[in-house]
Amino acid sequence: ASSGRTPYVLGGLEYARSIGCTTVGVVCVQPSAIA
């Protein structure tokens, strides 16, 4: 998510992390909602 705040991506990261998957975020802003 270039903006670091795309809801679709935020939801996917939250779900994957909650079940123990390794997660990586790729953004082009700082700070970001993903962070």
PDB file of all heavy atoms in Angstrom:
ATOM      1  N   ALA A   1       0.860  -1.193   0.000  1.00  0.00           N
ATOM      2  CA  ALA A   1       0.000   0.000   0.000  1.00  0.00           C
ATOM      3  C   ALA A   1       0.889   1.233   0.000  1.00  0.00           C
ATOM      4  O   ALA A   1       1.503   1.553   1.022  1.00  0.00           O
ATOM      5  CB  ALA A   1      -0.924   0.002   1.221  1.00  0.00           C
ATOM      6  N   SER A   2       0.979   1.910  -1.124  1.00  0.00           N
ATOM      7  CA  SER A   2       1.832   3.105  -1.201  1.00  0.00           C
ATOM      8  C   SER A   2       1.476   4.104  -0.112  1.00  0.00           C
ATOM      9  O   SER A   2       2.351   4.697   0.523  1.00  0.00           O
ATOM     10  CB  SER A   2       1.686   3.767  -2.585  1.00  0.00           C
ATOM     11  OG  SER A   2       2.183   2.930  -3.597  1.00  0.00           O
ATOM     12  N   SER A   3       0.193   4.261   0.132  1.00  0.00           N
ATOM     13  CA  SER A   3      -0.267   5.225   1.134  1.00  0.00           C
ATOM     14  C   SER A   3      -0.100   4.711   2.551  1.00  0.00           C
ATOM     15  O   SER A   3      -0.215   5.475   3.517  1.00  0.00           O
ATOM     16  CB  SER A   3      -1.751   5.539   0.902  1.00  0.00           C
ATOM     17  OG  SER A   3      -2.547   4.388   1.167  1.00  0.00           O
ATOM     18  N   GLY A   4       0.118   3.400   2.696  1.00  0.00           N
ATOM     19  CA  GLY A   4       0.265   2.803   4.025  1.00  0.00           C
ATOM     20  C   GLY A   4      -1.022   2.710   4.801  1.00  0.00           C
ATOM     21  O   GLY A   4      -1.003   2.389   6.002  1.00  0.00           O
ATOM     22  N   ARG A   5      -2.191   2.995   4.142  1.00  0.00           N
ATOM     23  CA  ARG A   5      -3.442   3.040   4.897  1.00  0.00           C
ATOM     24  C   ARG A   5      -4.595   2.324   4.192  1.00  0.00           C
ATOM     25  O   ARG A   5      -5.735   2.408   4.624  1.00  0.00           O
ATOM     26  CB  ARG A   5      -3.860   4.508   5.127  1.00  0.00           C
ATOM     27  CG  ARG A   5      -3.975   5.303   3.829  1.00  0.00           C
ATOM     28  CD  ARG A   5      -4.872   6.510   3.924  1.00  0.00           C
ATOM     29  NE  ARG A   5      -6.230   6.140   4.210  1.00  0.00           N
ATOM     30  CZ  ARG A   5      -7.117   5.691   3.311  1.00  0.00           C
ATOM     31  NH1 ARG A   5      -6.759   5.517   2.039  1.00  0.00           N
ATOM     32  NH2 ARG A   5      -8.348   5.390   3.659  1.00  0.00           N
ATOM     33  N   THR A   6      -4.364   1.602   3.116  1.00  0.00           N
ATOM     34  CA  THR A   6      -5.441   0.953   2.369  1.00  0.00           C
ATOM     35  C   THR A   6      -6.172  -0.053   3.255  1.00  0.00           C
ATOM     36  O   THR A   6      -5.553  -1.010   3.743  1.00  0.00           O
ATOM     37  CB  THR A   6      -4.874   0.228   1.134  1.00  0.00           C
ATOM     38  OG1 THR A   6      -4.092   1.163   0.376  1.00  0.00           O
ATOM     39  CG2 THR A   6      -5.987  -0.333   0.282  1.00  0.00           C
ATOM     40  N   PRO A   7      -7.476   0.111   3.502  1.00  0.00           N
ATOM     41  CA  PRO A   7      -8.208  -0.787   4.411  1.00  0.00           C
ATOM     42  C   PRO A   7      -8.097  -2.266   4.026  1.00  0.00           C
ATOM     43  O   PRO A   7      -7.961  -3.132   4.905  1.00  0.00           O
ATOM     44  CB  PRO A   7      -9.656  -0.283   4.306  1.00  0.00           C
ATOM     45  CG  PRO A   7      -9.514   1.170   3.959  1.00  0.00           C
ATOM     46  CD  PRO A   7      -8.327   1.246   3.051  1.00  0.00           C
ATOM     47  N   TYR A   8      -8.172  -2.560   2.730  1.00  0.00           N
ATOM     48  CA  TYR A   8      -8.072  -3.949   2.274  1.00  0.00           C
ATOM     49  C   TYR A   8      -6.754  -4.577   2.731  1.00  0.00           C
ATOM     50  O   TYR A   8      -6.708  -5.711   3.209  1.00  0.00           O
ATOM     51  CB  TYR A   8      -8.174  -3.987   0.748  1.00  0.00           C
ATOM     52  CG  TYR A   8      -8.077  -5.358   0.119  1.00  0.00           C
ATOM     53  CD1 TYR A   8      -9.162  -6.235   0.128  1.00  0.00           C
ATOM     54  CD2 TYR A   8      -6.909  -5.767  -0.515  1.00  0.00           C
ATOM     55  CE1 TYR A   8      -9.073  -7.490  -0.468  1.00  0.00           C
ATOM     56  CE2 TYR A   8      -6.805  -7.013  -1.118  1.00  0.00           C
ATOM     57  CZ  TYR A   8      -7.897  -7.878  -1.083  1.00  0.00           C
ATOM     58  OH  TYR A   8      -7.808  -9.122  -1.675  1.00  0.00           O
ATOM     59  N   VAL A   9      -5.679  -3.825   2.633  1.00  0.00           N
ATOM     60  CA  VAL A   9      -4.355  -4.319   3.025  1.00  0.00           C
ATOM     61  C   VAL A   9      -4.237  -4.385   4.543  1.00  0.00           C
ATOM     62  O   VAL A   9      -3.705  -5.355   5.100  1.00  0.00           O
ATOM     63  CB  VAL A   9      -3.257  -3.432   2.416  1.00  0.00           C
ATOM     64  CG1 VAL A   9      -1.875  -3.869   2.908  1.00  0.00           C
ATOM     65  CG2 VAL A   9      -3.324  -3.480   0.897  1.00  0.00           C
ATOM     66  N   LEU A  10      -4.740  -3.377   5.222  1.00  0.00           N
ATOM     67  CA  LEU A  10      -4.707  -3.383   6.696  1.00  0.00           C
ATOM     68  C   LEU A  10      -5.440  -4.597   7.248  1.00  0.00           C
ATOM     69  O   LEU A  10      -4.963  -5.263   8.181  1.00  0.00           O
ATOM     70  CB  LEU A  10      -5.336  -2.095   7.243  1.00  0.00           C
ATOM     71  CG  LEU A  10      -4.581  -0.786   6.978  1.00  0.00           C
ATOM     72  CD1 LEU A  10      -5.440   0.398   7.409  1.00  0.00           C
ATOM     73  CD2 LEU A  10      -3.247  -0.777   7.713  1.00  0.00           C
ATOM     74  N   GLY A  11      -6.604  -4.896   6.673  1.00  0.00           N
ATOM     75  CA  GLY A  11      -7.374  -6.047   7.132  1.00  0.00           C
ATOM     76  C   GLY A  11      -6.656  -7.360   6.871  1.00  0.00           C
ATOM     77  O   GLY A  11      -6.683  -8.272   7.708  1.00  0.00           O
ATOM     78  N   GLY A  12      -6.002  -7.471   5.716  1.00  0.00           N
ATOM     79  CA  GLY A  12      -5.266  -8.689   5.396  1.00  0.00           C
ATOM     80  C   GLY A  12      -4.097  -8.916   6.323  1.00  0.00           C
ATOM     81  O   GLY A  12      -3.858 -10.038   6.792  1.00  0.00           O
ATOM     82  N   LEU A  13      -3.339  -7.858   6.614  1.00  0.00           N
ATOM     83  CA  LEU A  13      -2.206  -7.988   7.536  1.00  0.00           C
ATOM     84  C   LEU A  13      -2.668  -8.359   8.942  1.00  0.00           C
ATOM     85  O   LEU A  13      -2.055  -9.197   9.613  1.00  0.00           O
ATOM     86  CB  LEU A  13      -1.419  -6.672   7.568  1.00  0.00           C
ATOM     87  CG  LEU A  13      -0.582  -6.349   6.324  1.00  0.00           C
ATOM     88  CD1 LEU A  13      -0.091  -4.910   6.371  1.00  0.00           C
ATOM     89  CD2 LEU A  13       0.600  -7.307   6.204  1.00  0.00           C
ATOM     90  N   GLU A  14      -3.751  -7.730   9.386  1.00  0.00           N
ATOM     91  CA  GLU A  14      -4.271  -8.030  10.723  1.00  0.00           C
ATOM     92  C   GLU A  14      -4.678  -9.499  10.830  1.00  0.00           C
ATOM     93  O   GLU A  14      -4.343 -10.185  11.802  1.00  0.00           O
ATOM     94  CB  GLU A  14      -5.466  -7.133  11.034  1.00  0.00           C
ATOM     95  CG  GLU A  14      -6.086  -7.408  12.413  1.00  0.00           C
ATOM     96  CD  GLU A  14      -7.323  -6.576  12.676  1.00  0.00           C
ATOM     97  OE1 GLU A  14      -8.017  -6.206  11.701  1.00  0.00           O
ATOM     98  OE2 GLU A  14      -7.607  -6.306  13.861  1.00  0.00           O
ATOM     99  N   TYR A  15      -5.392  -9.999   9.818  1.00  0.00           N
ATOM    100  CA  TYR A  15      -5.860 -11.390   9.839  1.00  0.00           C
ATOM    101  C   TYR A  15      -4.682 -12.367   9.776  1.00  0.00           C
ATOM    102  O   TYR A  15      -4.604 -13.317  10.571  1.00  0.00           O
ATOM    103  CB  TYR A  15      -6.805 -11.633   8.672  1.00  0.00           C
ATOM    104  CG  TYR A  15      -7.212 -13.083   8.514  1.00  0.00           C
ATOM    105  CD1 TYR A  15      -7.809 -13.780   9.560  1.00  0.00           C
ATOM    106  CD2 TYR A  15      -6.980 -13.758   7.315  1.00  0.00           C
ATOM    107  CE1 TYR A  15      -8.176 -15.116   9.422  1.00  0.00           C
ATOM    108  CE2 TYR A  15      -7.346 -15.082   7.162  1.00  0.00           C
ATOM    109  CZ  TYR A  15      -7.939 -15.763   8.224  1.00  0.00           C
ATOM    110  OH  TYR A  15      -8.300 -17.077   8.081  1.00  0.00           O
ATOM    111  N   ALA A  16      -3.753 -12.136   8.857  1.00  0.00           N
ATOM    112  CA  ALA A  16      -2.628 -13.053   8.705  1.00  0.00           C
ATOM    113  C   ALA A  16      -1.772 -13.093   9.968  1.00  0.00           C
ATOM    114  O   ALA A  16      -1.347 -14.171  10.415  1.00  0.00           O
ATOM    115  CB  ALA A  16      -1.780 -12.642   7.502  1.00  0.00           C
ATOM    116  N   ARG A  17      -1.521 -11.939  10.565  1.00  0.00           N
ATOM    117  CA  ARG A  17      -0.718 -11.886  11.796  1.00  0.00           C
ATOM    118  C   ARG A  17      -1.431 -12.592  12.939  1.00  0.00           C
ATOM    119  O   ARG A  17      -0.801 -13.267  13.766  1.00  0.00           O
ATOM    120  CB  ARG A  17      -0.463 -10.419  12.161  1.00  0.00           C
ATOM    121  CG  ARG A  17       0.464 -10.236  13.382  1.00  0.00           C
ATOM    122  CD  ARG A  17       1.911 -10.240  12.937  1.00  0.00           C
ATOM    123  NE  ARG A  17       2.849 -10.152  14.048  1.00  0.00           N
ATOM    124  CZ  ARG A  17       3.107  -9.038  14.731  1.00  0.00           C
ATOM    125  NH1 ARG A  17       2.475  -7.922  14.438  1.00  0.00           N
ATOM    126  NH2 ARG A  17       4.011  -9.048  15.694  1.00  0.00           N
ATOM    127  N   SER A  18      -2.762 -12.487  12.990  1.00  0.00           N
ATOM    128  CA  SER A  18      -3.520 -13.078  14.102  1.00  0.00           C
ATOM    129  C   SER A  18      -3.450 -14.594  14.109  1.00  0.00           C
ATOM    130  O   SER A  18      -3.630 -15.223  15.153  1.00  0.00           O
ATOM    131  CB  SER A  18      -4.988 -12.625  14.044  1.00  0.00           C
ATOM    132  OG  SER A  18      -5.670 -13.263  12.964  1.00  0.00           O
ATOM    133  N   ILE A  19      -3.204 -15.207  12.942  1.00  0.00           N
ATOM    134  CA  ILE A  19      -3.139 -16.674  12.884  1.00  0.00           C
ATOM    135  C   ILE A  19      -1.711 -17.180  12.810  1.00  0.00           C
ATOM    136  O   ILE A  19      -1.472 -18.366  12.581  1.00  0.00           O
ATOM    137  CB  ILE A  19      -3.964 -17.235  11.713  1.00  0.00           C
ATOM    138  CG1 ILE A  19      -3.426 -16.752  10.364  1.00  0.00           C
ATOM    139  CG2 ILE A  19      -5.424 -16.872  11.861  1.00  0.00           C
ATOM    140  CD1 ILE A  19      -4.111 -17.402   9.175  1.00  0.00           C
ATOM    141  N   GLY A  20      -0.743 -16.288  13.011  1.00  0.00           N
ATOM    142  CA  GLY A  20       0.645 -16.728  13.112  1.00  0.00           C
ATOM    143  C   GLY A  20       1.430 -16.736  11.828  1.00  0.00           C
ATOM    144  O   GLY A  20       2.510 -17.324  11.773  1.00  0.00           O
ATOM    145  N   CYS A  21       0.931 -16.091  10.756  1.00  0.00           N
ATOM    146  CA  CYS A  21       1.687 -16.006   9.508  1.00  0.00           C
ATOM    147  C   CYS A  21       2.740 -14.893   9.618  1.00  0.00           C
ATOM    148  O   CYS A  21       2.532 -13.911  10.327  1.00  0.00           O
ATOM    149  CB  CYS A  21       0.761 -15.701   8.336  1.00  0.00           C
ATOM    150  SG  CYS A  21      -0.411 -17.018   7.950  1.00  0.00           S
ATOM    151  N   THR A  22       3.841 -15.063   8.920  1.00  0.00           N
ATOM    152  CA  THR A  22       4.839 -13.995   8.825  1.00  0.00           C
ATOM    153  C   THR A  22       4.318 -12.927   7.872  1.00  0.00           C
ATOM    154  O   THR A  22       3.831 -13.245   6.789  1.00  0.00           O
ATOM    155  CB  THR A  22       6.173 -14.548   8.312  1.00  0.00           C
ATOM    156  OG1 THR A  22       6.658 -15.530   9.236  1.00  0.00           O
ATOM    157  CG2 THR A  22       7.215 -13.438   8.185  1.00  0.00           C
ATOM    158  N   THR A  23       4.407 -11.665   8.271  1.00  0.00           N
ATOM    159  CA  THR A  23       3.820 -10.580   7.482  1.00  0.00           C
ATOM    160  C   THR A  23       4.862  -9.519   7.137  1.00  0.00           C
ATOM    161  O   THR A  23       5.755  -9.218   7.929  1.00  0.00           O
ATOM    162  CB  THR A  23       2.658  -9.913   8.239  1.00  0.00           C
ATOM    163  OG1 THR A  23       3.127  -9.505   9.539  1.00  0.00           O
ATOM    164  CG2 THR A  23       1.494 -10.883   8.410  1.00  0.00           C
ATOM    165  N   VAL A  24       4.715  -8.965   5.924  1.00  0.00           N
ATOM    166  CA  VAL A  24       5.604  -7.902   5.441  1.00  0.00           C
ATOM    167  C   VAL A  24       4.730  -6.771   4.902  1.00  0.00           C
ATOM    168  O   VAL A  24       3.754  -7.020   4.183  1.00  0.00           O
ATOM    169  CB  VAL A  24       6.516  -8.421   4.310  1.00  0.00           C
ATOM    170  CG1 VAL A  24       7.434  -7.302   3.805  1.00  0.00           C
ATOM    171  CG2 VAL A  24       7.336  -9.616   4.779  1.00  0.00           C
ATOM    172  N   GLY A  25       5.056  -5.549   5.247  1.00  0.00           N
ATOM    173  CA  GLY A  25       4.366  -4.387   4.705  1.00  0.00           C
ATOM    174  C   GLY A  25       5.297  -3.618   3.781  1.00  0.00           C
ATOM    175  O   GLY A  25       6.479  -3.451   4.098  1.00  0.00           O
ATOM    176  N   VAL A  26       4.787  -3.185   2.633  1.00  0.00           N
ATOM    177  CA  VAL A  26       5.569  -2.357   1.703  1.00  0.00           C
ATOM    178  C   VAL A  26       4.795  -1.059   1.489  1.00  0.00           C
ATOM    179  O   VAL A  26       3.688  -1.072   0.930  1.00  0.00           O
ATOM    180  CB  VAL A  26       5.793  -3.078   0.357  1.00  0.00           C
ATOM    181  CG1 VAL A  26       6.565  -2.161  -0.599  1.00  0.00           C
ATOM    182  CG2 VAL A  26       6.558  -4.379   0.574  1.00  0.00           C
ATOM    183  N   VAL A  27       5.354   0.052   1.968  1.00  0.00           N
ATOM    184  CA  VAL A  27       4.675   1.348   1.884  1.00  0.00           C
ATOM    185  C   VAL A  27       5.656   2.390   1.368  1.00  0.00           C
ATOM    186  O   VAL A  27       6.865   2.150   1.299  1.00  0.00           O
ATOM    187  CB  VAL A  27       4.126   1.781   3.259  1.00  0.00           C
ATOM    188  CG1 VAL A  27       3.184   0.721   3.826  1.00  0.00           C
ATOM    189  CG2 VAL A  27       5.262   2.057   4.242  1.00  0.00           C
ATOM    190  N   CYS A  28       5.117   3.589   1.019  1.00  0.00           N
ATOM    191  CA  CYS A  28       5.966   4.668   0.509  1.00  0.00           C
ATOM    192  C   CYS A  28       5.795   5.947   1.309  1.00  0.00           C
ATOM    193  O   CYS A  28       6.005   7.059   0.787  1.00  0.00           O
ATOM    194  CB  CYS A  28       5.671   4.904  -0.976  1.00  0.00           C
ATOM    195  SG  CYS A  28       6.132   3.495  -2.006  1.00  0.00           S
ATOM    196  N   VAL A  29       5.352   5.805   2.549  1.00  0.00           N
ATOM    197  CA  VAL A  29       5.184   6.956   3.438  1.00  0.00           C
ATOM    198  C   VAL A  29       5.713   6.593   4.822  1.00  0.00           C
ATOM    199  O   VAL A  29       5.891   5.419   5.154  1.00  0.00           O
ATOM    200  CB  VAL A  29       3.694   7.373   3.556  1.00  0.00           C
ATOM    201  CG1 VAL A  29       3.159   7.863   2.224  1.00  0.00           C
ATOM    202  CG2 VAL A  29       2.852   6.222   4.089  1.00  0.00           C
ATOM    203  N   GLN A  30       5.946   7.625   5.604  1.00  0.00           N
ATOM    204  CA  GLN A  30       6.378   7.417   6.989  1.00  0.00           C
ATOM    205  C   GLN A  30       6.021   8.649   7.811  1.00  0.00           C
ATOM    206  O   GLN A  30       6.411   9.766   7.401  1.00  0.00           O
ATOM    207  CB  GLN A  30       7.885   7.164   7.029  1.00  0.00           C
ATOM    208  CG  GLN A  30       8.361   6.515   8.307  1.00  0.00           C
ATOM    209  CD  GLN A  30       9.837   6.121   8.192  1.00  0.00           C
ATOM    210  OE1 GLN A  30      10.607   6.819   7.553  1.00  0.00           O
ATOM    211  NE2 GLN A  30      10.219   5.017   8.779  1.00  0.00           N
ATOM    212  N   PRO A  31       5.229   8.479   8.902  1.00  0.00           N
ATOM    213  CA  PRO A  31       4.668   7.234   9.447  1.00  0.00           C
ATOM    214  C   PRO A  31       3.515   6.723   8.579  1.00  0.00           C
ATOM    215  O   PRO A  31       3.075   7.386   7.645  1.00  0.00           O
ATOM    216  CB  PRO A  31       4.190   7.660  10.829  1.00  0.00           C
ATOM    217  CG  PRO A  31       3.846   9.112  10.665  1.00  0.00           C
ATOM    218  CD  PRO A  31       4.852   9.657   9.682  1.00  0.00           C
ATOM    219  N   SER A  32       3.005   5.552   8.939  1.00  0.00           N
ATOM    220  CA  SER A  32       1.915   4.957   8.171  1.00  0.00           C
ATOM    221  C   SER A  32       0.956   4.228   9.102  1.00  0.00           C
ATOM    222  O   SER A  32       1.307   3.873  10.234  1.00  0.00           O
ATOM    223  CB  SER A  32       2.468   3.964   7.148  1.00  0.00           C
ATOM    224  OG  SER A  32       3.071   2.857   7.801  1.00  0.00           O
ATOM    225  N   ALA A  33      -0.267   4.008   8.613  1.00  0.00           N
ATOM    226  CA  ALA A  33      -1.255   3.266   9.401  1.00  0.00           C
ATOM    227  C   ALA A  33      -0.798   1.825   9.612  1.00  0.00           C
ATOM    228  O   ALA A  33      -1.068   1.220  10.651  1.00  0.00           O
ATOM    229  CB  ALA A  33      -2.610   3.289   8.687  1.00  0.00           C
ATOM    230  N   ILE A  34      -0.098   1.265   8.622  1.00  0.00           N
ATOM    231  CA  ILE A  34       0.409  -0.108   8.783  1.00  0.00           C
ATOM    232  C   ILE A  34       1.389  -0.160   9.946  1.00  0.00           C
ATOM    233  O   ILE A  34       1.358  -1.091  10.763  1.00  0.00           O
ATOM    234  CB  ILE A  34       1.067  -0.593   7.471  1.00  0.00           C
ATOM    235  CG1 ILE A  34      -0.019  -0.868   6.421  1.00  0.00           C
ATOM    236  CG2 ILE A  34       1.905  -1.844   7.712  1.00  0.00           C
ATOM    237  CD1 ILE A  34       0.518  -1.333   5.077  1.00  0.00           C
ATOM    238  N   ALA A  35       2.256   0.841  10.050  1.00  0.00           N
ATOM    239  CA  ALA A  35       3.201   0.884  11.169  1.00  0.00           C
ATOM    240  C   ALA A  35       2.468   1.055  12.492  1.00  0.00           C
ATOM    241  O   ALA A  35       2.783   0.402  13.493  1.00  0.00           O
ATOM    242  CB  ALA A  35       4.205   2.005  10.961  1.00  0.00           C
TER     243      ALA A  35
END
